C-alpha atoms as a PDB file:
ATOM      1  CA  MET A   1      22.971   5.103  -1.066  1.00  0.00           C
ATOM      2  CA  GLY A   2      20.654   3.565   1.521  1.00  0.00           C
ATOM      3  CA  GLY A   3      16.972   2.996   1.734  1.00  0.00           C
ATOM      4  CA  ASN A   4      14.358   0.596   2.894  1.00  0.00           C
ATOM      5  CA  GLU A   5      12.312  -1.566   0.612  1.00  0.00           C
ATOM      6  CA  TRP A   6       8.666  -2.137   1.463  1.00  0.00           C
ATOM      7  CA  THR A   7       5.953  -4.336   0.084  1.00  0.00           C
ATOM      8  CA  GLY A   8       2.297  -4.809   0.780  1.00  0.00           C
ATOM      9  CA  ILE A   9      -0.423  -7.148  -0.319  1.00  0.00           C
ATOM     10  CA  GLY A  10      -4.174  -7.118   0.073  1.00  0.00           C
ATOM     11  CA  PRO A  11      -7.379  -8.375  -1.447  1.00  0.00           C
ATOM     12  CA  TYR A  12      -7.694  -8.011  -5.208  1.00  0.00           C
ATOM     13  CA  GLU A  13      -9.393  -4.818  -6.336  1.00  0.00           C
ATOM     14  CA  LYS A  14      -9.745  -4.049 -10.034  1.00  0.00           C
ATOM     15  CA  ASP A  15      -9.604  -0.289  -9.428  1.00  0.00           C
ATOM     16  CA  LEU A  16      -6.079   0.470  -8.188  1.00  0.00           C
ATOM     17  CA  ALA A  17      -7.098   3.792  -6.673  1.00  0.00           C
ATOM     18  CA  VAL A  18      -9.710   2.019  -4.559  1.00  0.00           C
ATOM     19  CA  ALA A  19      -7.185  -0.651  -3.551  1.00  0.00           C
ATOM     20  CA  PHE A  20      -4.654   2.000  -2.550  1.00  0.00           C
ATOM     21  CA  ARG A  21      -7.217   3.943  -0.508  1.00  0.00           C
ATOM     22  CA  GLN A  22      -8.289   0.728   1.265  1.00  0.00           C
ATOM     23  CA  ALA A  23      -4.662  -0.023   2.123  1.00  0.00           C
ATOM     24  CA  GLN A  24      -4.252   3.498   3.516  1.00  0.00           C
ATOM     25  CA  GLU A  25      -7.353   3.147   5.676  1.00  0.00           C
ATOM     26  CA  GLN A  26      -6.260  -0.274   6.956  1.00  0.00           C
ATOM     27  CA  GLU A  27      -2.822   1.031   7.918  1.00  0.00           C
ATOM     28  CA  LEU A  28      -4.306   4.079   9.624  1.00  0.00           C
ATOM     29  CA  ALA A  29      -6.680   1.792  11.558  1.00  0.00           C
ATOM     30  CA  LYS A  30      -3.660  -0.160  12.871  1.00  0.00           C
ATOM     31  CA  ASP A  31      -1.723   2.956  13.928  1.00  0.00           C
ATOM     32  CA  ASP A  32      -3.239   6.432  13.817  1.00  0.00           C
ATOM     33  CA  GLN A  33       0.254   8.012  13.883  1.00  0.00           C
ATOM     34  CA  GLY A  34      -0.909  10.510  16.508  1.00  0.00           C
ATOM     35  CA  PHE A  35      -4.022  11.639  14.622  1.00  0.00           C
ATOM     36  CA  PRO A  36      -6.850   9.781  16.378  1.00  0.00           C
ATOM     37  CA  GLY A  37     -10.262   9.681  14.737  1.00  0.00           C
ATOM     38  CA  GLN A  38      -9.138  11.109  11.405  1.00  0.00           C
ATOM     39  CA  SER A  39      -9.550   9.356   8.075  1.00  0.00           C
ATOM     40  CA  ILE A  40      -6.933   9.542   5.362  1.00  0.00           C
ATOM     41  CA  VAL A  41      -9.117  12.129   3.609  1.00  0.00           C
ATOM     42  CA  ASP A  42      -9.168  14.264   6.775  1.00  0.00           C
ATOM     43  CA  LEU A  43      -5.381  14.038   7.023  1.00  0.00           C
ATOM     44  CA  LEU A  44      -4.950  14.979   3.369  1.00  0.00           C
ATOM     45  CA  ARG A  45      -7.209  18.012   3.841  1.00  0.00           C
ATOM     46  CA  THR A  46      -5.109  19.086   6.804  1.00  0.00           C
ATOM     47  CA  MET A  47      -1.875  18.691   4.839  1.00  0.00           C
ATOM     48  CA  THR A  48      -3.139  20.462   1.707  1.00  0.00           C
ATOM     49  CA  GLY A  49      -4.993  23.295   3.394  1.00  0.00           C
ATOM     50  CA  GLY A  50      -8.446  21.970   2.564  1.00  0.00           C
ATOM     51  CA  SER A  51      -7.977  20.694  -0.988  1.00  0.00           C
ATOM     52  CA  THR A  52      -7.819  16.955  -1.684  1.00  0.00           C
ATOM     53  CA  SER A  53      -7.737  17.118  -5.479  1.00  0.00           C
END
């Protein structure tokens, strides 16, 4: 079975959800993956039909 391992590091953030969201935003800022001008929240709304919860 194959697969790729990935790792990431960033500044310490006590709240893991906040740290994860910051990492998402940083990655999206580097490469918008063909969705220019959209935040991760915008992309999630698009994928979930308007619900982000």
